Protein backbone atom coordinates (compact mmCIF):
# COMPACT_ATOMS: atom_id res chain seq x y z
CA MET A 1 51.79 143.16 -63.93
CA SER A 2 49.50 144.87 -60.81
CA TYR A 3 45.63 145.54 -60.65
CA SER A 4 43.87 148.43 -58.92
CA VAL A 5 41.28 147.79 -55.92
CA GLY A 6 38.36 148.90 -58.48
CA GLU A 7 39.88 146.67 -61.51
CA VAL A 8 39.92 143.19 -59.28
CA ALA A 9 36.17 144.15 -58.24
CA GLY A 10 35.07 144.07 -61.32
CA PHE A 11 37.31 141.36 -62.61
CA ALA A 12 36.20 139.09 -59.32
CA GLY A 13 32.60 140.40 -58.94
CA VAL A 14 32.44 141.36 -55.70
CA THR A 15 32.39 145.25 -54.01
CA VAL A 16 35.64 147.46 -53.71
CA ARG A 17 34.40 146.89 -49.89
CA THR A 18 34.56 143.72 -49.63
CA LEU A 19 38.42 143.33 -50.87
CA HIS A 20 38.56 146.23 -48.06
CA HIS A 21 38.10 144.03 -45.49
CA TYR A 22 39.47 141.05 -46.85
CA ASP A 23 43.12 143.45 -46.60
CA GLU A 24 41.61 144.60 -43.32
CA ILE A 25 41.09 141.30 -41.51
CA GLY A 26 44.49 139.67 -43.51
CA LEU A 27 42.53 136.81 -45.78
CA LEU A 28 43.80 138.91 -49.08
CA VAL A 29 47.00 141.72 -48.48
CA PRO A 30 47.37 143.20 -51.72
CA GLY A 31 51.04 142.34 -52.88
CA GLU A 32 51.98 145.94 -53.26
CA ARG A 33 51.11 150.04 -52.53
CA THR A 34 51.68 152.77 -54.30
CA ARG A 35 53.76 155.14 -52.92
CA ALA A 36 49.83 157.30 -51.85
CA GLY A 37 48.86 153.73 -50.26
CA HIS A 38 46.64 152.48 -53.09
CA ARG A 39 46.54 148.49 -53.10
CA ARG A 40 47.75 147.04 -55.95
CA TYR A 41 46.87 143.51 -56.49
CA GLY A 42 49.21 140.97 -58.38
CA GLU A 43 49.01 137.52 -60.11
CA ALA A 44 49.56 135.34 -56.86
CA ASP A 45 46.93 137.60 -55.18
CA LEU A 46 44.49 137.04 -57.77
CA ASP A 47 44.95 133.26 -57.51
CA ARG A 48 44.38 133.54 -53.83
CA LEU A 49 41.51 135.47 -54.12
CA GLN A 50 40.04 133.28 -56.67
CA GLN A 51 40.85 130.47 -54.02
CA ILE A 52 38.46 132.60 -51.36
CA LEU A 53 35.44 133.01 -53.63
CA PHE A 54 35.52 128.95 -54.28
CA TYR A 55 35.53 128.41 -51.02
CA ARG A 56 32.90 131.20 -49.86
CA GLU A 57 30.54 130.06 -52.30
CA LEU A 58 30.54 126.29 -51.13
CA GLY A 59 29.62 128.32 -47.79
CA PHE A 60 32.59 128.46 -45.95
CA PRO A 61 32.98 131.15 -43.45
CA LEU A 62 35.97 133.14 -43.57
CA ASP A 63 38.09 132.34 -40.19
CA GLU A 64 37.96 128.70 -42.31
CA VAL A 65 38.36 129.77 -45.41
CA ALA A 66 41.91 131.65 -43.89
CA ALA A 67 42.67 128.19 -42.61
CA LEU A 68 42.68 126.59 -45.43
CA LEU A 69 44.77 128.47 -47.65
CA ASP A 70 47.56 129.67 -45.00
CA ASP A 71 47.91 125.76 -43.75
CA PRO A 72 51.65 125.36 -44.30
CA ASP A 73 50.90 121.45 -45.53
CA THR A 74 48.76 121.91 -48.18
CA ASP A 75 50.12 122.63 -51.88
CA PRO A 76 47.87 123.87 -54.54
CA ARG A 77 47.59 120.06 -55.79
CA ALA A 78 46.09 119.33 -52.40
CA HIS A 79 43.37 122.56 -52.64
CA LEU A 80 42.53 121.20 -56.08
CA ARG A 81 41.69 117.92 -55.28
CA ARG A 82 40.01 119.16 -52.12
CA GLN A 83 38.00 121.58 -54.68
CA HIS A 84 37.19 118.85 -57.14
CA ARG A 85 35.59 116.66 -54.29
CA LEU A 86 33.64 119.23 -52.69
CA LEU A 87 32.40 120.30 -55.96
CA THR A 88 31.30 116.67 -56.90
CA VAL A 89 29.57 116.67 -53.71
CA ARG A 90 27.65 119.81 -54.67
CA ILE A 91 26.98 118.82 -57.81
CA GLU A 92 25.09 115.87 -56.61
CA ARG A 93 23.22 117.68 -54.58
CA LEU A 94 21.92 120.05 -56.49
CA ARG A 95 20.84 117.52 -59.14
CA SER A 96 19.01 116.09 -56.17
CA MET A 97 17.49 119.69 -55.88
CA ALA A 98 16.85 120.32 -59.23
CA ALA A 99 15.13 116.64 -59.35
CA ALA A 100 12.48 117.35 -56.06
CA VAL A 101 12.02 120.77 -58.08
CA GLU A 102 11.09 119.18 -61.41
CA ARG A 103 8.54 116.66 -59.42
CA ALA A 104 7.00 119.78 -57.85
CA MET A 105 6.51 121.16 -61.39
CA GLU A 106 5.24 118.56 -62.57
CA ALA A 107 2.72 118.63 -59.66
CA HIS A 108 1.88 121.82 -60.00
CA THR A 109 0.94 121.79 -63.41
CA MET A 110 -0.87 118.73 -62.83
CA GLY A 111 -3.06 120.67 -60.32
CA ILE A 112 -1.87 118.33 -57.33
CA ALA A 113 0.19 120.65 -55.21
CA LEU A 114 0.68 117.73 -52.38
CA THR A 115 3.82 116.95 -50.74
CA PRO A 116 4.45 113.07 -51.33
CA GLN A 117 3.54 112.46 -47.64
CA GLU A 118 0.42 114.57 -48.41
CA ARG A 119 -0.43 112.97 -51.38
CA PHE A 120 -0.21 109.21 -49.44
CA GLU A 121 -2.62 110.40 -47.04
CA VAL A 122 -4.91 112.02 -49.49
CA PHE A 123 -4.93 109.14 -52.73
CA GLY A 124 -3.09 105.77 -50.30
CA ASP A 125 -1.40 103.67 -53.06
CA GLN A 126 -3.61 105.26 -55.83
CA ASP A 127 -2.03 107.28 -58.33
CA PRO A 128 -3.52 110.51 -59.29
CA GLU A 129 -0.74 111.59 -61.76
CA GLN A 130 -2.26 108.51 -64.00
CA HIS A 131 -5.67 109.67 -64.11
CA THR A 132 -4.29 113.12 -64.46
CA GLU A 133 -2.18 112.51 -67.41
CA GLU A 134 -4.64 110.05 -69.17
CA SER A 135 -7.35 113.14 -69.13
CA GLU A 136 -4.96 115.42 -70.67
CA ARG A 137 -4.18 112.73 -73.05
CA ARG A 138 -8.00 112.47 -74.27
CA TRP A 139 -9.04 116.49 -73.23
CA GLY A 140 -5.97 118.22 -72.75
CA GLY A 141 -6.91 121.46 -75.59
CA THR A 142 -10.43 121.46 -74.28
CA GLU A 143 -11.86 123.92 -71.53
CA ALA A 144 -13.22 121.63 -69.06
CA PHE A 145 -9.23 120.16 -68.58
CA SER A 146 -8.25 123.92 -68.65
CA GLU A 147 -10.60 124.93 -65.96
CA SER A 148 -9.95 121.70 -63.72
CA ARG A 149 -6.42 122.87 -63.85
CA ARG A 150 -7.24 126.17 -62.60
CA ARG A 151 -9.50 125.03 -59.95
CA THR A 152 -7.24 122.22 -58.43
CA ALA A 153 -4.10 124.34 -58.70
CA ARG A 154 -5.67 126.22 -55.51
CA TYR A 155 -6.42 123.24 -53.57
CA THR A 156 -4.99 122.84 -50.28
CA LYS A 157 -4.79 119.10 -48.62
CA GLY A 158 -8.13 119.19 -46.70
CA ASP A 159 -9.73 120.24 -50.19
CA TRP A 160 -8.11 117.24 -51.76
CA MET A 161 -9.40 115.49 -48.07
CA ARG A 162 -12.59 116.63 -48.04
CA MET A 163 -13.04 115.71 -52.31
CA ARG A 164 -11.46 112.29 -50.88
CA ASP A 165 -13.84 111.64 -48.63
CA GLU A 166 -17.35 112.98 -50.20
CA ARG A 167 -15.99 110.27 -53.09
CA ASN A 168 -15.64 107.29 -51.14
CA ALA A 169 -18.94 107.74 -49.20
CA TRP A 170 -20.62 107.92 -52.92
CA LEU A 171 -18.81 104.56 -53.69
CA GLU A 172 -20.06 102.86 -50.23
CA ARG A 173 -23.81 104.13 -51.05
CA TYR A 174 -22.71 103.36 -55.12
CA ASP A 175 -21.45 99.63 -53.41
CA ALA A 176 -24.48 99.16 -51.25
CA LEU A 177 -26.90 99.70 -54.55
CA MET A 178 -25.01 96.53 -56.02
CA ALA A 179 -24.93 94.62 -53.16
CA ALA A 180 -28.79 95.02 -52.99
CA GLY A 181 -29.22 94.09 -56.00
CA GLY A 182 -30.00 97.54 -58.16
CA ARG A 183 -29.92 97.55 -61.24
CA PRO A 184 -28.02 100.51 -63.21
CA ASP A 185 -31.24 101.60 -65.02
CA GLY A 186 -33.00 101.91 -61.92
CA GLU A 187 -33.93 104.79 -59.90
CA ARG A 188 -32.02 104.99 -57.65
CA ALA A 189 -28.40 103.81 -59.82
CA MET A 190 -29.46 106.82 -61.85
CA ASP A 191 -29.49 109.32 -59.35
CA LEU A 192 -26.15 108.10 -57.96
CA ALA A 193 -25.14 108.78 -61.46
CA GLU A 194 -26.36 112.33 -61.58
CA GLU A 195 -24.70 112.93 -57.97
CA HIS A 196 -21.09 111.77 -59.88
CA ARG A 197 -22.00 114.29 -62.35
CA GLN A 198 -22.30 116.95 -59.70
CA HIS A 199 -19.41 115.76 -58.16
CA ILE A 200 -17.29 116.35 -60.97
CA GLY A 201 -18.79 119.51 -61.79
CA THR A 202 -18.37 120.95 -57.78
CA TRP A 203 -14.75 119.90 -57.82
CA PHE A 204 -13.32 120.32 -61.64
CA TYR A 205 -15.10 121.31 -64.12
CA ALA A 206 -18.56 121.23 -65.54
CA CYS A 207 -19.55 117.88 -66.83
CA SER A 208 -22.30 117.64 -69.60
CA TYR A 209 -24.26 114.58 -70.40
CA ALA A 210 -22.31 114.24 -72.93
CA MET A 211 -18.74 114.30 -71.27
CA HIS A 212 -20.23 112.12 -68.53
CA ARG A 213 -21.06 109.47 -71.08
CA GLY A 214 -17.58 109.75 -72.27
CA LEU A 215 -16.17 109.57 -68.80
CA GLY A 216 -18.09 105.87 -68.57
CA GLU A 217 -17.04 104.49 -71.39
CA MET A 218 -13.29 105.33 -70.39
CA TYR A 219 -14.20 103.71 -66.75
CA VAL A 220 -14.99 100.38 -68.70
CA ALA A 221 -12.33 100.32 -71.54
CA ASP A 222 -9.23 101.73 -69.53
CA GLU A 223 -7.90 99.58 -67.18
CA ARG A 224 -6.76 101.89 -64.18
CA PHE A 225 -10.18 103.31 -63.98
CA ARG A 226 -11.85 100.00 -64.41
CA GLU A 227 -9.33 98.78 -61.49
CA PHE A 228 -9.91 101.89 -58.94
CA TYR A 229 -14.05 101.07 -59.38
CA ASP A 230 -13.69 97.42 -59.54
CA SER A 231 -11.29 97.55 -56.25
CA THR A 232 -14.85 98.72 -54.34
CA ARG A 233 -17.00 95.52 -55.90
CA PRO A 234 -16.15 93.97 -58.97
CA GLY A 235 -18.19 95.02 -61.70
CA LEU A 236 -18.91 98.34 -60.83
CA ALA A 237 -16.97 100.09 -63.53
CA GLU A 238 -19.76 98.60 -65.85
CA HIS A 239 -22.29 99.35 -63.79
CA LEU A 240 -21.87 102.99 -63.31
CA ARG A 241 -21.42 102.97 -66.94
CA ASP A 242 -24.63 102.29 -67.82
CA ALA A 243 -25.99 103.87 -65.10
CA ILE A 244 -24.49 106.95 -66.58
CA VAL A 245 -25.98 106.03 -69.75
CA ALA A 246 -29.41 105.80 -68.34
CA ASN A 247 -29.42 108.67 -66.21
CA ALA A 248 -28.14 110.58 -69.62
CA ALA A 249 -30.95 109.65 -71.71
CA ARG A 250 -33.51 110.27 -68.78
CA HIS A 251 -32.57 114.06 -69.40
CA SER A 252 -32.10 114.38 -72.87
């Protein structure tokens, strides 16, 4: 049984021009020709083409493919062992690439489109995904959460750093307030609570006073949020929660 160049091209998913080129460079010379000079490929030719396409898929240049296939010291079993080894390496590499893509997809879904290095520069050892996961669990179906994801998906590293700097400057002022003995229902504390609410509105979503009160309760109830605020000053999470409640009351 032999096949025409067009039939082989269809079997192998290559172009007729590719097969002509392989013939011209001696990589795959068909075993037969018709009286009219047309190429005819036999089973052995198809086996060799399969080997060629395998090595090409792995990125081998044609001259190296020819050297591998024409090595007189390499038997078919040695080719299979080499192919198995190469495929194993390729599979592991593809798995690693797939895992990296999945992490990138997750980051984009969460609105944190940064490399690991950039995320460390912006957030340090504070894992932003923890806060995002908790927010999604609580408010994933709300317009506020959707709006937050729409906004943050467009943020660059520079945007995140500006947001971080604003937050840190606010934390310093709140820390100074507490150090001076400021009460959570005092004017300055309520002003800082209002600034906190507006910061959320600027960077994430429109935060109503009712939503802000809910956030304040979460900062105290959830140990991850409490740890974040109390790492600046012990008791800051509760003090802020009380200031948020007082600020909401004066605007109601």
